Structures are given as C-alpha cells and as structure tokens.
C-alpha cells in the first residue's frame, strides 16, 4: 500500500509544475472563509503550540481566521484521516508532525497512506529532544552514561511516552548506536512518565526540548545531551549526543499538509506565508525560546524530507520490532 518514494517525488514534482492556466476561481480567491487546522494531539504539546503560533500569523496575513481544532487520538491518525477525507479546497489543513511519518510503519492497517493522501504544504519547525536523567544519577555526561550502562547491563529503563513515540524511537536509536541495553517502559505521555524519572524509578528519558527546558533550568532534571546535531541556544551548556555517539541525530518536526489534489496555487499561497513567518525575527525568537528552529522550504523540499524521514525511522522501527499499542 505504501507508495514508492521515487514515484511519490515524481508525482509531487508534477503537481507543483501545473501551469497557471489551471488555476480555478476558488484558488484565485483563497481564502474566502475560515480555514481549519486540525491537530492530532491534545492542547499544550509541541504540535499544538506550533499550530497556535502559525494560526494567528496566517489569519493576519491572509485576512481569514485559521482556527486550530484539536482531534487527539491514535497517535495523530484520527486528525490525519479527517483531513484525508476532507474536500481538497484548502479549508481543512493538517498540522503534520513526525508521528505521522512513524505511523506509516507502526500501523499495518491504516485506512489511508500519509505520503500518498496528504500533500505537503510547508515545514514550520524542527525540534530537538533532550536526554535527561535524575540529578542523583551517577552519570553526568553521555559518555559516562554509556560506560555506566555497559557495566550495568539489563538494569536500566528508558521512559517513553508510548510505543513508537519520538521518546522511544530516539532512545532506541541511541541504544542501538551506543551498543547498550535499555528496556523501554511506555506511559501515556511524557507527563505521566516524568514523576517516575524524578523519583528514580526510571533511569533515562528523551523528552522534547520545550518540555525539558524548565526542568533542566530548575535543576529538577539533569540534561546529558540534545538529539539535534548542534547545541540549542536555549540550553547552550548541553552538548549534542553526537559528540559522544558520532552520526547520531534525531529531530522532531512540524508542518502543514492538505488533502491530496488540493490546487497547487493554494498550497503555494500557504507555503509563501509560512515561509514569511519563518523569516520574521519575532516569530523565530518565539521558536528559539521553545528549543525549535525554523524549517522553511518549498512544498517539494518538504515532500522529500518527509519521504527520507519516513524511510529512516521505518528502519529503526522494524529493526526494534516496535508495534503500535
């Protein structure tokens, strides 16, 4: 059911090359009424925050309300399917995220194919996770953690916010590349796992930077490393994990998608305005405060990124035998 990557990129390129003569009256006047941005997660998380940053910007720039609507459930699949089934007129958008890419491998019987059925519109931001431990944990660096894990095989637990979540996958990639053992313990969200980490019942977690910042600065958690290839401005003293595990990189991301067959002119309009936000100093500063970086580019570039990302994490999921709960 999965569309081959080369075919997908070919179709994307062809769609973006549609001549201007094909522009419909609806596309020319877009938007002429409010637009919904569906978010597949509850309010307050990284994905929801991103939607509530970009929504007001698009409302002001395009003269119609871009309303955020939360549709949590099934790791984002409920919202994604709702957008897949929506009219391809640009009035129902999806706040796409890394989980949409993971789900392509995690779920065997989805009623849609994310790569085939959602047209990439624009990337919004890339985010890093932070590898955190209890302040009393013996290791103070990534290298020390690896050495400790190798002398305490089978004794360390990795807290994760659900099977196939970023927190599990980023930890699994670290475990594999570092050559250590970590037993994943799944919770219903990061918030449910943090009390056990702070109580010493878990040894390590990988959590979004936006979540980690407050705990790290307060000294409640110790940050060993960030999953991005470089340090974060908001946590300048925390090194990249790749300094100790060469080649390691794990980033989250968010963007906007639309139902397949949405007119290229509408996609181009939204893409242009999102990229304008990502070039704005104030908007960029708000992202930086959350440990996020702008993710500007064309729809075709976003499509290629999603295809590559889906392929990378699909390999991690299959190698670890991870299945959705």
Protein backbone atom coordinates (compact mmCIF):
# COMPACT_ATOMS: atom_id res chain seq x y z
CA UNK A 1 0.00 0.00 0.00
CA UNK A 2 2.99 2.25 0.56
CA UNK A 3 3.82 4.42 -2.43
CA UNK A 4 7.44 4.03 -3.62
CA UNK A 5 9.48 7.09 -2.71
CA UNK A 6 10.66 7.74 -6.29
CA UNK A 7 7.11 7.62 -7.60
CA UNK A 8 5.95 9.88 -4.78
CA UNK A 9 8.59 12.50 -5.52
CA UNK A 10 7.78 12.33 -9.23
CA UNK A 11 4.09 12.93 -8.56
CA UNK A 12 4.91 15.80 -6.20
CA UNK A 13 7.13 17.48 -8.75
CA UNK A 14 4.48 17.08 -11.44
CA UNK A 15 1.81 18.60 -9.22
CA UNK A 16 3.94 21.61 -8.41
CA UNK A 17 4.65 22.14 -12.11
CA UNK A 18 0.97 22.62 -13.05
CA UNK A 19 0.58 25.62 -15.37
CA UNK A 20 -1.04 28.80 -14.07
CA UNK A 21 -3.81 28.38 -16.62
CA UNK A 22 -5.22 25.56 -14.47
CA UNK A 23 -5.90 27.96 -11.61
CA UNK A 24 -9.52 27.79 -10.50
CA UNK A 25 -11.65 30.69 -9.36
CA UNK A 26 -11.64 29.18 -5.88
CA UNK A 27 -7.85 29.11 -5.79
CA UNK A 28 -7.64 32.71 -7.02
CA UNK A 29 -9.80 33.99 -4.17
CA UNK A 30 -8.36 31.76 -1.44
CA UNK A 31 -9.14 32.05 1.39
CA UNK A 32 -12.64 33.47 1.31
CA UNK A 33 -13.81 31.88 4.59
CA UNK A 34 -12.23 30.48 7.77
CA UNK A 35 -9.69 27.67 7.50
CA UNK A 36 -9.40 24.82 10.00
CA UNK A 37 -6.01 23.47 11.12
CA UNK A 38 -6.54 20.01 12.60
CA UNK A 39 -4.09 18.94 15.31
CA UNK A 40 -3.95 15.27 16.21
CA UNK A 41 -2.98 15.86 19.81
CA UNK A 42 -4.37 17.46 22.94
CA UNK A 43 -3.73 21.15 23.69
CA UNK A 44 -0.41 22.10 25.24
CA UNK A 45 2.04 19.82 23.45
CA UNK A 46 4.71 20.75 20.94
CA UNK A 47 2.44 20.14 17.94
CA UNK A 48 -0.43 22.15 19.39
CA UNK A 49 1.89 25.01 20.34
CA UNK A 50 3.20 25.16 16.78
CA UNK A 51 -0.33 25.34 15.38
CA UNK A 52 -1.22 28.17 17.77
CA UNK A 53 1.87 30.10 16.69
CA UNK A 54 1.30 29.80 12.94
CA UNK A 55 -2.51 30.14 13.02
CA UNK A 56 -2.65 33.81 14.06
CA UNK A 57 0.13 34.68 11.61
CA UNK A 58 -1.79 33.16 8.69
CA UNK A 59 -5.01 34.81 9.87
CA UNK A 60 -3.40 38.24 9.80
CA UNK A 61 -1.57 37.74 6.52
CA UNK A 62 -4.43 36.16 4.57
CA UNK A 63 -7.42 38.01 6.05
CA UNK A 64 -9.38 34.97 7.24
CA UNK A 65 -9.35 33.08 10.51
CA UNK A 66 -7.13 29.98 10.67
CA UNK A 67 -8.79 28.10 13.52
CA UNK A 68 -6.94 25.38 15.44
CA UNK A 69 -9.07 22.31 16.10
CA UNK A 70 -7.72 19.52 18.31
CA UNK A 71 -8.63 15.96 17.25
CA UNK A 72 -6.48 13.81 19.57
CA UNK A 73 -6.28 10.05 19.36
CA UNK A 74 -4.46 7.12 17.75
CA UNK A 75 -1.12 8.95 17.68
CA UNK A 76 -2.45 11.60 15.31
CA UNK A 77 -4.19 9.20 12.93
CA UNK A 78 -7.71 10.46 13.71
CA UNK A 79 -6.88 14.00 12.63
CA UNK A 80 -4.87 12.80 9.64
CA UNK A 81 -7.72 10.66 8.34
CA UNK A 82 -10.18 13.52 8.81
CA UNK A 83 -8.02 15.71 6.57
CA UNK A 84 -7.55 12.91 4.04
CA UNK A 85 -11.36 12.67 3.75
CA UNK A 86 -11.88 16.45 3.62
CA UNK A 87 -12.56 18.38 0.45
CA UNK A 88 -9.28 19.31 -1.26
CA UNK A 89 -10.08 23.01 -1.30
CA UNK A 90 -7.55 24.33 1.23
CA UNK A 91 -10.08 24.94 4.00
CA UNK A 92 -9.04 21.91 6.06
CA UNK A 93 -5.31 21.61 6.80
CA UNK A 94 -3.35 19.18 8.95
CA UNK A 95 -0.68 20.18 11.41
CA UNK A 96 1.67 17.42 10.32
CA UNK A 97 4.33 16.07 12.65
CA UNK A 98 6.99 13.39 12.99
CA UNK A 99 4.46 10.89 14.35
CA UNK A 100 2.65 10.90 11.02
CA UNK A 101 5.83 9.54 9.45
CA UNK A 102 6.36 6.93 12.19
CA UNK A 103 2.77 5.73 11.86
CA UNK A 104 3.33 4.69 8.26
CA UNK A 105 5.41 1.80 9.63
CA UNK A 106 3.88 1.33 13.08
CA UNK A 107 0.33 0.68 11.86
CA UNK A 108 -0.35 -2.19 9.47
CA UNK A 109 -3.97 -1.39 8.66
CA UNK A 110 -4.38 2.36 8.35
CA UNK A 111 -7.25 3.42 6.13
CA UNK A 112 -5.06 5.96 4.40
CA UNK A 113 -1.48 6.36 3.23
CA UNK A 114 0.06 9.52 4.66
CA UNK A 115 2.59 10.04 1.88
CA UNK A 116 0.05 9.42 -0.87
CA UNK A 117 -3.02 11.08 0.64
CA UNK A 118 -1.60 14.22 2.32
CA UNK A 119 0.00 16.88 0.15
CA UNK A 120 3.00 18.54 1.88
CA UNK A 121 2.38 22.29 2.11
CA UNK A 122 5.12 23.79 4.29
CA UNK A 123 7.54 22.87 7.02
CA UNK A 124 7.23 25.02 10.14
CA UNK A 125 9.89 23.99 12.62
CA UNK A 126 12.37 21.34 13.60
CA UNK A 127 12.76 20.42 17.22
CA UNK A 128 15.27 18.65 19.39
CA UNK A 129 14.71 16.24 22.23
CA UNK A 130 16.85 16.24 25.36
CA UNK A 131 18.33 13.17 27.03
CA UNK A 132 17.56 13.65 30.73
CA UNK A 133 18.24 11.76 33.94
CA UNK A 134 17.52 12.23 37.62
CA UNK A 135 20.07 14.64 39.17
CA UNK A 136 21.20 11.85 41.51
CA UNK A 137 22.05 9.51 38.61
CA UNK A 138 25.79 8.67 38.63
CA UNK A 139 26.45 9.74 35.03
CA UNK A 140 26.94 13.43 34.28
CA UNK A 141 27.74 13.09 30.57
CA UNK A 142 26.60 10.94 27.66
CA UNK A 143 29.93 9.10 27.66
CA UNK A 144 29.60 8.38 31.37
CA UNK A 145 26.03 7.14 30.84
CA UNK A 146 27.19 4.71 28.15
CA UNK A 147 30.00 3.42 30.38
CA UNK A 148 27.58 3.00 33.29
CA UNK A 149 25.06 1.17 31.08
CA UNK A 150 27.72 -1.25 29.86
CA UNK A 151 28.65 -2.20 33.42
CA UNK A 152 25.00 -2.45 34.48
CA UNK A 153 23.50 -4.40 31.59
CA UNK A 154 19.82 -5.19 31.91
CA UNK A 155 19.30 -2.76 34.77
CA UNK A 156 18.40 0.50 33.01
CA UNK A 157 14.90 1.56 32.00
CA UNK A 158 14.01 4.05 29.28
CA UNK A 159 10.82 6.00 29.92
CA UNK A 160 8.77 6.59 26.78
CA UNK A 161 5.53 8.38 26.00
CA UNK A 162 4.06 5.38 24.20
CA UNK A 163 5.11 2.67 21.76
CA UNK A 164 6.51 4.25 18.62
CA UNK A 165 6.69 7.73 20.13
CA UNK A 166 9.63 10.01 19.48
CA UNK A 167 10.82 9.48 23.04
CA UNK A 168 11.02 5.73 22.47
CA UNK A 169 12.44 5.87 18.96
CA UNK A 170 15.14 8.42 19.79
CA UNK A 171 16.10 6.32 22.81
CA UNK A 172 16.09 3.16 20.70
CA UNK A 173 18.37 4.72 18.10
CA UNK A 174 20.72 5.84 20.90
CA UNK A 175 20.66 2.36 22.47
CA UNK A 176 21.49 0.72 19.15
CA UNK A 177 24.28 3.11 18.17
CA UNK A 178 25.82 3.16 21.66
CA UNK A 179 25.72 -0.62 21.96
CA UNK A 180 23.93 -0.69 25.32
CA UNK A 181 20.78 -2.21 26.79
CA UNK A 182 17.74 -0.11 27.68
CA UNK A 183 14.32 -1.54 28.47
CA UNK A 184 11.53 0.71 27.21
CA UNK A 185 8.73 1.39 29.69
CA UNK A 186 5.78 3.01 27.96
CA UNK A 187 3.48 5.59 29.52
CA UNK A 188 0.53 7.58 28.27
CA UNK A 189 2.51 10.70 27.52
CA UNK A 190 5.68 12.37 28.79
CA UNK A 191 3.82 13.94 31.71
CA UNK A 192 2.85 10.53 33.05
CA UNK A 193 6.44 9.27 32.95
CA UNK A 194 8.27 12.24 34.44
CA UNK A 195 7.22 11.56 38.08
CA UNK A 196 8.85 8.13 37.89
CA UNK A 197 12.01 9.62 36.40
CA UNK A 198 12.20 12.24 39.12
CA UNK A 199 11.56 9.57 41.74
CA UNK A 200 14.40 7.43 40.42
CA UNK A 201 12.18 4.60 39.14
CA UNK A 202 13.37 5.29 35.57
CA UNK A 203 16.97 5.90 34.60
CA UNK A 204 16.64 7.99 31.43
CA UNK A 205 14.16 9.69 29.11
CA UNK A 206 14.29 11.55 25.81
CA UNK A 207 11.81 14.42 26.00
CA UNK A 208 11.02 17.44 23.79
CA UNK A 209 13.24 20.44 24.44
CA UNK A 210 10.15 22.60 25.02
CA UNK A 211 9.26 20.29 27.92
CA UNK A 212 12.79 19.83 29.22
CA UNK A 213 13.87 23.47 29.42
CA UNK A 214 12.02 24.35 32.62
CA UNK A 215 13.01 21.18 34.47
CA UNK A 216 16.66 21.47 33.45
CA UNK A 217 16.96 25.13 34.40
CA UNK A 218 15.27 24.43 37.74
CA UNK A 219 17.68 21.58 38.42
CA UNK A 220 14.88 19.03 38.69
CA UNK A 221 16.37 17.03 35.81
CA UNK A 222 19.92 16.77 34.51
CA UNK A 223 20.40 17.13 30.75
CA UNK A 224 23.12 14.93 29.30
CA UNK A 225 22.73 15.79 25.63
CA UNK A 226 20.46 17.04 22.86
CA UNK A 227 19.37 14.90 19.93
CA UNK A 228 19.97 17.63 17.35
CA UNK A 229 23.37 17.72 15.60
CA UNK A 230 24.29 21.01 17.31
CA UNK A 231 23.64 22.63 20.69
CA UNK A 232 20.48 24.61 21.35
CA UNK A 233 20.68 28.34 22.03
CA UNK A 234 18.24 27.91 24.90
CA UNK A 235 20.43 25.20 26.51
CA UNK A 236 23.92 26.28 25.46
CA UNK A 237 25.75 24.18 28.05
CA UNK A 238 24.22 20.90 26.91
CA UNK A 239 26.27 19.17 24.19
CA UNK A 240 24.94 17.24 21.23
CA UNK A 241 24.70 13.49 21.78
CA UNK A 242 26.58 13.09 18.51
CA UNK A 243 29.70 14.46 20.26
CA UNK A 244 29.84 11.10 22.07
CA UNK A 245 27.95 8.94 19.56
CA UNK A 246 29.16 10.02 16.10
CA UNK A 247 26.38 10.14 13.50
CA UNK A 248 23.55 10.20 15.99
CA UNK A 249 20.76 12.62 15.03
CA UNK A 250 17.09 12.59 15.94
CA UNK A 251 14.89 15.60 15.27
CA UNK A 252 11.18 16.16 15.57
CA UNK A 253 9.35 18.42 13.15
CA UNK A 254 6.02 20.01 12.38
CA UNK A 255 4.50 21.41 9.22
CA UNK A 256 1.26 21.82 7.32
CA UNK A 257 -0.37 19.35 4.99
CA UNK A 258 -3.54 19.34 2.89
CA UNK A 259 -5.72 16.71 1.24
CA UNK A 260 -4.21 15.28 -1.91
CA UNK A 261 -5.38 17.09 -5.06
CA UNK A 262 -5.54 20.46 -3.30
CA UNK A 263 -4.80 23.05 -6.02
CA UNK A 264 -1.10 23.87 -6.32
CA UNK A 265 -1.91 27.60 -6.19
CA UNK A 266 -3.49 27.23 -2.75
CA UNK A 267 -0.54 25.21 -1.50
CA UNK A 268 1.82 27.86 -2.84
CA UNK A 269 -0.13 30.63 -1.09
CA UNK A 270 0.06 28.97 2.31
CA UNK A 271 3.69 27.97 1.78
CA UNK A 272 4.64 31.56 0.95
CA UNK A 273 3.07 32.94 4.11
CA UNK A 274 4.52 30.24 6.37
CA UNK A 275 7.97 30.97 4.98
CA UNK A 276 7.39 34.67 5.62
CA UNK A 277 6.71 33.83 9.28
CA UNK A 278 9.91 31.79 9.47
CA UNK A 279 11.88 34.79 8.18
CA UNK A 280 10.35 37.12 10.78
CA UNK A 281 12.68 37.89 13.69
CA UNK A 282 9.95 37.89 16.34
CA UNK A 283 8.47 34.60 15.15
CA UNK A 284 11.90 32.98 15.01
CA UNK A 285 12.64 34.17 18.55
CA UNK A 286 9.44 32.53 19.82
CA UNK A 287 10.51 29.25 18.23
CA UNK A 288 14.01 29.54 19.70
CA UNK A 289 12.58 30.03 23.18
CA UNK A 290 10.97 26.60 22.78
CA UNK A 291 14.15 24.98 21.50
CA UNK A 292 12.83 24.91 17.93
CA UNK A 293 14.36 26.04 14.64
CA UNK A 294 12.62 27.39 11.51
CA UNK A 295 12.04 24.79 8.81
CA UNK A 296 11.48 26.87 5.67
CA UNK A 297 11.39 25.49 2.15
CA UNK A 298 9.24 24.67 -0.85
CA UNK A 299 6.48 22.04 -0.89
CA UNK A 300 8.75 19.79 -2.98
CA UNK A 301 11.58 20.10 -0.46
CA UNK A 302 9.19 19.32 2.36
CA UNK A 303 7.94 16.27 0.45
CA UNK A 304 11.47 14.94 0.01
CA UNK A 305 12.23 15.49 3.69
CA UNK A 306 9.12 13.55 4.73
CA UNK A 307 9.98 10.67 2.38
CA UNK A 308 13.55 10.45 3.70
CA UNK A 309 12.42 10.78 7.32
CA UNK A 310 9.79 8.06 6.93
CA UNK A 311 12.39 5.75 5.44
CA UNK A 312 14.95 6.40 8.22
CA UNK A 313 12.61 5.82 11.13
CA UNK A 314 10.84 2.95 9.40
CA UNK A 315 14.15 1.09 9.51
CA UNK A 316 14.56 1.83 13.23
CA UNK A 317 11.01 0.67 13.99
CA UNK A 318 11.36 -2.56 12.01
CA UNK A 319 14.78 -3.37 13.45
CA UNK A 320 13.47 -2.94 17.01
CA UNK A 321 10.22 -4.79 16.28
CA UNK A 322 8.13 -1.90 17.63
CA UNK A 323 4.37 -2.04 17.10
CA UNK A 324 1.67 0.46 17.95
CA UNK A 325 -0.23 -0.34 21.11
